[in-house]
Amino acid sequence: MVAKAKSAGSKSGDSVGFTSANYIFFIIGILIIALGFVFLKMGSLTIAPILLVLGYCVIIPIAIMYRKNKDVSET
């Protein structure tokens, strides 16, 4: 019988380790990016780039890197 080794950081259900908070941040980022493209189509040259940079460079990376802090006494 061969035992499979589990990595310390992975959970059994989700190999990436995303939680519902990560998905919420990701959806918010996608909506901000879509809103930026809507403003770009309307001709806004001030709001559209701000929304696009905010979505691509701030919200989406937060969605990827966000991790809830665990209680120190649990380890």
PDB file of N, CA and C in Angstrom:
ATOM      1  N   MET A   1       0.837  -1.166   0.000  1.00  0.00           N
ATOM      2  CA  MET A   1       0.000   0.000   0.000  1.00  0.00           C
ATOM      3  C   MET A   1       0.892   1.243   0.000  1.00  0.00           C
ATOM      4  N   VAL A   2       0.599   2.173  -0.922  1.00  0.00           N
ATOM      5  CA  VAL A   2       1.389   3.394  -1.047  1.00  0.00           C
ATOM      6  C   VAL A   2       0.608   4.537  -0.427  1.00  0.00           C
ATOM      7  N   ALA A   3       1.225   5.238   0.501  1.00  0.00           N
ATOM      8  CA  ALA A   3       0.579   6.381   1.149  1.00  0.00           C
ATOM      9  C   ALA A   3       0.885   7.643   0.366  1.00  0.00           C
ATOM     10  N   LYS A   4      -0.148   8.449   0.151  1.00  0.00           N
ATOM     11  CA  LYS A   4       0.041   9.712  -0.552  1.00  0.00           C
ATOM     12  C   LYS A   4       0.453  10.781   0.449  1.00  0.00           C
ATOM     13  N   ALA A   5       1.458  11.554   0.087  1.00  0.00           N
ATOM     14  CA  ALA A   5       1.919  12.631   0.960  1.00  0.00           C
ATOM     15  C   ALA A   5       1.136  13.896   0.647  1.00  0.00           C
ATOM     16  N   LYS A   6       0.630  14.535   1.693  1.00  0.00           N
ATOM     17  CA  LYS A   6      -0.076  15.803   1.525  1.00  0.00           C
ATOM     18  C   LYS A   6       0.870  16.931   1.871  1.00  0.00           C
ATOM     19  N   SER A   7       0.787  17.993   1.101  1.00  0.00           N
ATOM     20  CA  SER A   7       1.599  19.157   1.441  1.00  0.00           C
ATOM     21  C   SER A   7       0.973  19.866   2.626  1.00  0.00           C
ATOM     22  N   ALA A   8       1.789  20.565   3.378  1.00  0.00           N
ATOM     23  CA  ALA A   8       1.336  21.197   4.615  1.00  0.00           C
ATOM     24  C   ALA A   8       0.338  22.321   4.356  1.00  0.00           C
ATOM     25  N   GLY A   9       0.441  23.014   3.231  1.00  0.00           N
ATOM     26  CA  GLY A   9      -0.404  24.174   2.982  1.00  0.00           C
ATOM     27  C   GLY A   9      -1.681  23.886   2.247  1.00  0.00           C
ATOM     28  N   SER A  10      -1.863  22.699   1.701  1.00  0.00           N
ATOM     29  CA  SER A  10      -3.044  22.458   0.890  1.00  0.00           C
ATOM     30  C   SER A  10      -4.170  21.891   1.727  1.00  0.00           C
ATOM     31  N   LYS A  11      -5.392  22.232   1.336  1.00  0.00           N
ATOM     32  CA  LYS A  11      -6.579  21.698   1.983  1.00  0.00           C
ATOM     33  C   LYS A  11      -7.124  20.588   1.107  1.00  0.00           C
ATOM     34  N   SER A  12      -7.917  19.746   1.657  1.00  0.00           N
ATOM     35  CA  SER A  12      -8.373  18.583   0.922  1.00  0.00           C
ATOM     36  C   SER A  12      -9.293  18.924  -0.243  1.00  0.00           C
ATOM     37  N   GLY A  13     -10.147  19.957  -0.119  1.00  0.00           N
ATOM     38  CA  GLY A  13     -11.115  20.259  -1.157  1.00  0.00           C
ATOM     39  C   GLY A  13     -10.605  21.178  -2.247  1.00  0.00           C
ATOM     40  N   ASP A  14      -9.703  22.067  -1.935  1.00  0.00           N
ATOM     41  CA  ASP A  14      -9.287  23.099  -2.879  1.00  0.00           C
ATOM     42  C   ASP A  14      -7.767  23.120  -2.952  1.00  0.00           C
ATOM     43  N   SER A  15      -7.221  22.754  -4.088  1.00  0.00           N
ATOM     44  CA  SER A  15      -5.770  22.646  -4.196  1.00  0.00           C
ATOM     45  C   SER A  15      -5.081  24.014  -4.226  1.00  0.00           C
ATOM     46  N   VAL A  16      -5.792  25.062  -4.633  1.00  0.00           N
ATOM     47  CA  VAL A  16      -5.197  26.393  -4.692  1.00  0.00           C
ATOM     48  C   VAL A  16      -5.220  27.047  -3.325  1.00  0.00           C
ATOM     49  N   GLY A  17      -6.192  26.743  -2.494  1.00  0.00           N
ATOM     50  CA  GLY A  17      -6.295  27.317  -1.174  1.00  0.00           C
ATOM     51  C   GLY A  17      -7.128  28.579  -1.118  1.00  0.00           C
ATOM     52  N   PHE A  18      -7.965  28.816  -2.120  1.00  0.00           N
ATOM     53  CA  PHE A  18      -8.824  29.992  -2.113  1.00  0.00           C
ATOM     54  C   PHE A  18      -9.987  29.776  -1.157  1.00  0.00           C
ATOM     55  N   THR A  19     -10.346  30.838  -0.456  1.00  0.00           N
ATOM     56  CA  THR A  19     -11.522  30.813   0.397  1.00  0.00           C
ATOM     57  C   THR A  19     -12.610  31.644  -0.262  1.00  0.00           C
ATOM     58  N   SER A  20     -13.745  31.729   0.388  1.00  0.00           N
ATOM     59  CA  SER A  20     -14.826  32.527  -0.183  1.00  0.00           C
ATOM     60  C   SER A  20     -14.442  34.010  -0.247  1.00  0.00           C
ATOM     61  N   ALA A  21     -13.612  34.462   0.686  1.00  0.00           N
ATOM     62  CA  ALA A  21     -13.162  35.859   0.660  1.00  0.00           C
ATOM     63  C   ALA A  21     -12.319  36.124  -0.586  1.00  0.00           C
ATOM     64  N   ASN A  22     -11.481  35.175  -0.980  1.00  0.00           N
ATOM     65  CA  ASN A  22     -10.685  35.336  -2.189  1.00  0.00           C
ATOM     66  C   ASN A  22     -11.575  35.469  -3.415  1.00  0.00           C
ATOM     67  N   TYR A  23     -12.609  34.636  -3.496  1.00  0.00           N
ATOM     68  CA  TYR A  23     -13.510  34.698  -4.634  1.00  0.00           C
ATOM     69  C   TYR A  23     -14.309  36.005  -4.649  1.00  0.00           C
ATOM     70  N   ILE A  24     -14.678  36.513  -3.483  1.00  0.00           N
ATOM     71  CA  ILE A  24     -15.395  37.787  -3.418  1.00  0.00           C
ATOM     72  C   ILE A  24     -14.504  38.921  -3.910  1.00  0.00           C
ATOM     73  N   PHE A  25     -13.231  38.959  -3.453  1.00  0.00           N
ATOM     74  CA  PHE A  25     -12.298  39.970  -3.953  1.00  0.00           C
ATOM     75  C   PHE A  25     -12.123  39.856  -5.465  1.00  0.00           C
ATOM     76  N   PHE A  26     -12.043  38.629  -5.962  1.00  0.00           N
ATOM     77  CA  PHE A  26     -11.850  38.410  -7.401  1.00  0.00           C
ATOM     78  C   PHE A  26     -13.053  38.929  -8.190  1.00  0.00           C
ATOM     79  N   ILE A  27     -14.256  38.658  -7.711  1.00  0.00           N
ATOM     80  CA  ILE A  27     -15.461  39.130  -8.399  1.00  0.00           C
ATOM     81  C   ILE A  27     -15.536  40.659  -8.364  1.00  0.00           C
ATOM     82  N   ILE A  28     -15.188  41.260  -7.235  1.00  0.00           N
ATOM     83  CA  ILE A  28     -15.166  42.726  -7.144  1.00  0.00           C
ATOM     84  C   ILE A  28     -14.159  43.301  -8.140  1.00  0.00           C
ATOM     85  N   GLY A  29     -12.983  42.665  -8.258  1.00  0.00           N
ATOM     86  CA  GLY A  29     -11.978  43.120  -9.217  1.00  0.00           C
ATOM     87  C   GLY A  29     -12.472  43.040 -10.645  1.00  0.00           C
ATOM     88  N   ILE A  30     -13.139  41.939 -10.986  1.00  0.00           N
ATOM     89  CA  ILE A  30     -13.681  41.778 -12.340  1.00  0.00           C
ATOM     90  C   ILE A  30     -14.746  42.845 -12.621  1.00  0.00           C
ATOM     91  N   LEU A  31     -15.598  43.130 -11.631  1.00  0.00           N
ATOM     92  CA  LEU A  31     -16.625  44.161 -11.826  1.00  0.00           C
ATOM     93  C   LEU A  31     -16.018  45.545 -11.991  1.00  0.00           C
ATOM     94  N   ILE A  32     -14.970  45.856 -11.236  1.00  0.00           N
ATOM     95  CA  ILE A  32     -14.301  47.156 -11.374  1.00  0.00           C
ATOM     96  C   ILE A  32     -13.633  47.267 -12.744  1.00  0.00           C
ATOM     97  N   ILE A  33     -13.031  46.191 -13.213  1.00  0.00           N
ATOM     98  CA  ILE A  33     -12.405  46.196 -14.540  1.00  0.00           C
ATOM     99  C   ILE A  33     -13.464  46.384 -15.623  1.00  0.00           C
ATOM    100  N   ALA A  34     -14.588  45.682 -15.495  1.00  0.00           N
ATOM    101  CA  ALA A  34     -15.669  45.834 -16.473  1.00  0.00           C
ATOM    102  C   ALA A  34     -16.213  47.258 -16.469  1.00  0.00           C
ATOM    103  N   LEU A  35     -16.354  47.838 -15.281  1.00  0.00           N
ATOM    104  CA  LEU A  35     -16.814  49.224 -15.183  1.00  0.00           C
ATOM    105  C   LEU A  35     -15.800  50.178 -15.820  1.00  0.00           C
ATOM    106  N   GLY A  36     -14.518  49.874 -15.663  1.00  0.00           N
ATOM    107  CA  GLY A  36     -13.486  50.681 -16.302  1.00  0.00           C
ATOM    108  C   GLY A  36     -13.586  50.646 -17.816  1.00  0.00           C
ATOM    109  N   PHE A  37     -13.876  49.465 -18.366  1.00  0.00           N
ATOM    110  CA  PHE A  37     -14.032  49.368 -19.816  1.00  0.00           C
ATOM    111  C   PHE A  37     -15.304  50.070 -20.297  1.00  0.00           C
ATOM    112  N   VAL A  38     -16.339  50.069 -19.479  1.00  0.00           N
ATOM    113  CA  VAL A  38     -17.560  50.799 -19.835  1.00  0.00           C
ATOM    114  C   VAL A  38     -17.268  52.302 -19.904  1.00  0.00           C
ATOM    115  N   PHE A  39     -16.548  52.814 -18.898  1.00  0.00           N
ATOM    116  CA  PHE A  39     -16.177  54.231 -18.913  1.00  0.00           C
ATOM    117  C   PHE A  39     -15.239  54.545 -20.078  1.00  0.00           C
ATOM    118  N   LEU A  40     -14.375  53.606 -20.425  1.00  0.00           N
ATOM    119  CA  LEU A  40     -13.473  53.813 -21.557  1.00  0.00           C
ATOM    120  C   LEU A  40     -14.261  53.902 -22.863  1.00  0.00           C
ATOM    121  N   LYS A  41     -15.286  53.073 -22.999  1.00  0.00           N
ATOM    122  CA  LYS A  41     -16.122  53.105 -24.197  1.00  0.00           C
ATOM    123  C   LYS A  41     -16.898  54.414 -24.289  1.00  0.00           C
ATOM    124  N   MET A  42     -17.263  54.977 -23.125  1.00  0.00           N
ATOM    125  CA  MET A  42     -17.993  56.246 -23.119  1.00  0.00           C
ATOM    126  C   MET A  42     -17.077  57.432 -23.383  1.00  0.00           C
ATOM    127  N   GLY A  43     -15.775  57.237 -23.358  1.00  0.00           N
ATOM    128  CA  GLY A  43     -14.853  58.305 -23.688  1.00  0.00           C
ATOM    129  C   GLY A  43     -14.181  58.956 -22.500  1.00  0.00           C
ATOM    130  N   SER A  44     -14.355  58.422 -21.321  1.00  0.00           N
ATOM    131  CA  SER A  44     -13.723  59.005 -20.138  1.00  0.00           C
ATOM    132  C   SER A  44     -12.244  58.659 -20.116  1.00  0.00           C
ATOM    133  N   LEU A  45     -11.409  59.690 -20.113  1.00  0.00           N
ATOM    134  CA  LEU A  45      -9.967  59.446 -20.081  1.00  0.00           C
ATOM    135  C   LEU A  45      -9.371  59.700 -18.696  1.00  0.00           C
ATOM    136  N   THR A  46     -10.223  59.898 -17.694  1.00  0.00           N
ATOM    137  CA  THR A  46      -9.712  60.057 -16.330  1.00  0.00           C
ATOM    138  C   THR A  46     -10.175  58.914 -15.421  1.00  0.00           C
ATOM    139  N   ILE A  47     -11.462  58.613 -15.432  1.00  0.00           N
ATOM    140  CA  ILE A  47     -11.992  57.585 -14.539  1.00  0.00           C
ATOM    141  C   ILE A  47     -11.639  56.178 -15.025  1.00  0.00           C
ATOM    142  N   ALA A  48     -11.708  55.950 -16.328  1.00  0.00           N
ATOM    143  CA  ALA A  48     -11.465  54.619 -16.874  1.00  0.00           C
ATOM    144  C   ALA A  48     -10.070  54.081 -16.540  1.00  0.00           C
ATOM    145  N   PRO A  49      -8.996  54.827 -16.772  1.00  0.00           N
ATOM    146  CA  PRO A  49      -7.678  54.280 -16.424  1.00  0.00           C
ATOM    147  C   PRO A  49      -7.499  54.045 -14.929  1.00  0.00           C
ATOM    148  N   ILE A  50      -8.117  54.910 -14.116  1.00  0.00           N
ATOM    149  CA  ILE A  50      -8.015  54.722 -12.668  1.00  0.00           C
ATOM    150  C   ILE A  50      -8.688  53.413 -12.261  1.00  0.00           C
ATOM    151  N   LEU A  51      -9.879  53.155 -12.788  1.00  0.00           N
ATOM    152  CA  LEU A  51     -10.584  51.913 -12.460  1.00  0.00           C
ATOM    153  C   LEU A  51      -9.845  50.688 -12.981  1.00  0.00           C
ATOM    154  N   LEU A  52      -9.291  50.784 -14.178  1.00  0.00           N
ATOM    155  CA  LEU A  52      -8.579  49.645 -14.745  1.00  0.00           C
ATOM    156  C   LEU A  52      -7.308  49.328 -13.964  1.00  0.00           C
ATOM    157  N   VAL A  53      -6.559  50.343 -13.593  1.00  0.00           N
ATOM    158  CA  VAL A  53      -5.340  50.108 -12.799  1.00  0.00           C
ATOM    159  C   VAL A  53      -5.711  49.582 -11.423  1.00  0.00           C
ATOM    160  N   LEU A  54      -6.765  50.139 -10.832  1.00  0.00           N
ATOM    161  CA  LEU A  54      -7.218  49.658  -9.530  1.00  0.00           C
ATOM    162  C   LEU A  54      -7.623  48.185  -9.595  1.00  0.00           C
ATOM    163  N   GLY A  55      -8.333  47.821 -10.638  1.00  0.00           N
ATOM    164  CA  GLY A  55      -8.770  46.433 -10.772  1.00  0.00           C
ATOM    165  C   GLY A  55      -7.628  45.477 -11.041  1.00  0.00           C
ATOM    166  N   TYR A  56      -6.795  45.812 -12.039  1.00  0.00           N
ATOM    167  CA  TYR A  56      -5.713  44.899 -12.444  1.00  0.00           C
ATOM    168  C   TYR A  56      -4.539  44.880 -11.465  1.00  0.00           C
ATOM    169  N   CYS A  57      -4.186  46.009 -10.896  1.00  0.00           N
ATOM    170  CA  CYS A  57      -2.953  46.090 -10.102  1.00  0.00           C
ATOM    171  C   CYS A  57      -3.169  46.071  -8.595  1.00  0.00           C
ATOM    172  N   VAL A  58      -4.418  46.226  -8.143  1.00  0.00           N
ATOM    173  CA  VAL A  58      -4.658  46.234  -6.701  1.00  0.00           C
ATOM    174  C   VAL A  58      -5.611  45.114  -6.291  1.00  0.00           C
ATOM    175  N   ILE A  59      -6.822  45.113  -6.824  1.00  0.00           N
ATOM    176  CA  ILE A  59      -7.856  44.201  -6.350  1.00  0.00           C
ATOM    177  C   ILE A  59      -7.558  42.744  -6.726  1.00  0.00           C
ATOM    178  N   ILE A  60      -7.197  42.482  -7.975  1.00  0.00           N
ATOM    179  CA  ILE A  60      -6.916  41.099  -8.390  1.00  0.00           C
ATOM    180  C   ILE A  60      -5.709  40.523  -7.637  1.00  0.00           C
ATOM    181  N   PRO A  61      -4.590  41.255  -7.482  1.00  0.00           N
ATOM    182  CA  PRO A  61      -3.505  40.701  -6.658  1.00  0.00           C
ATOM    183  C   PRO A  61      -3.902  40.468  -5.200  1.00  0.00           C
ATOM    184  N   ILE A  62      -4.750  41.340  -4.645  1.00  0.00           N
ATOM    185  CA  ILE A  62      -5.236  41.105  -3.289  1.00  0.00           C
ATOM    186  C   ILE A  62      -6.050  39.814  -3.247  1.00  0.00           C
ATOM    187  N   ALA A  63      -6.861  39.590  -4.269  1.00  0.00           N
ATOM    188  CA  ALA A  63      -7.664  38.368  -4.316  1.00  0.00           C
ATOM    189  C   ALA A  63      -6.786  37.117  -4.377  1.00  0.00           C
ATOM    190  N   ILE A  64      -5.653  37.210  -5.035  1.00  0.00           N
ATOM    191  CA  ILE A  64      -4.762  36.058  -5.145  1.00  0.00           C
ATOM    192  C   ILE A  64      -3.967  35.844  -3.857  1.00  0.00           C
ATOM    193  N   MET A  65      -3.508  36.923  -3.240  1.00  0.00           N
ATOM    194  CA  MET A  65      -2.596  36.796  -2.098  1.00  0.00           C
ATOM    195  C   MET A  65      -3.279  36.810  -0.737  1.00  0.00           C
ATOM    196  N   TYR A  66      -4.561  37.154  -0.657  1.00  0.00           N
ATOM    197  CA  TYR A  66      -5.234  37.294   0.629  1.00  0.00           C
ATOM    198  C   TYR A  66      -5.300  35.959   1.360  1.00  0.00           C
ATOM    199  N   ARG A  67      -4.949  36.000   2.628  1.00  0.00           N
ATOM    200  CA  ARG A  67      -5.045  34.836   3.484  1.00  0.00           C
ATOM    201  C   ARG A  67      -5.499  35.275   4.859  1.00  0.00           C
ATOM    202  N   LYS A  68      -6.453  34.579   5.417  1.00  0.00           N
ATOM    203  CA  LYS A  68      -6.940  34.920   6.742  1.00  0.00           C
ATOM    204  C   LYS A  68      -5.897  34.554   7.779  1.00  0.00           C
ATOM    205  N   ASN A  69      -5.707  35.430   8.760  1.00  0.00           N
ATOM    206  CA  ASN A  69      -4.764  35.137   9.834  1.00  0.00           C
ATOM    207  C   ASN A  69      -5.338  34.062  10.735  1.00  0.00           C
ATOM    208  N   LYS A  70      -4.524  33.091  11.067  1.00  0.00           N
ATOM    209  CA  LYS A  70      -4.931  32.018  11.982  1.00  0.00           C
ATOM    210  C   LYS A  70      -4.449  32.357  13.373  1.00  0.00           C
ATOM    211  N   ASP A  71      -5.119  31.813  14.352  1.00  0.00           N
ATOM    212  CA  ASP A  71      -4.722  32.016  15.737  1.00  0.00           C
ATOM    213  C   ASP A  71      -3.374  31.333  15.976  1.00  0.00           C
ATOM    214  N   VAL A  72      -2.459  32.018  16.642  1.00  0.00           N
ATOM    215  CA  VAL A  72      -1.108  31.511  16.857  1.00  0.00           C
ATOM    216  C   VAL A  72      -1.128  30.271  17.752  1.00  0.00           C
ATOM    217  N   SER A  73      -2.080  30.182  18.652  1.00  0.00           N
ATOM    218  CA  SER A  73      -2.115  29.057  19.591  1.00  0.00           C
ATOM    219  C   SER A  73      -2.533  27.749  18.930  1.00  0.00           C
ATOM    220  N   GLU A  74      -3.079  27.793  17.685  1.00  0.00           N
ATOM    221  CA  GLU A  74      -3.495  26.580  16.995  1.00  0.00           C
ATOM    222  C   GLU A  74      -2.332  25.758  16.481  1.00  0.00           C
ATOM    223  N   THR A  75      -1.169  26.323  16.303  1.00  0.00           N
ATOM    224  CA  THR A  75      -0.040  25.593  15.732  1.00  0.00           C
ATOM    225  C   THR A  75       0.635  24.783  16.711  1.00  0.00           C
TER     226      THR A  75
END
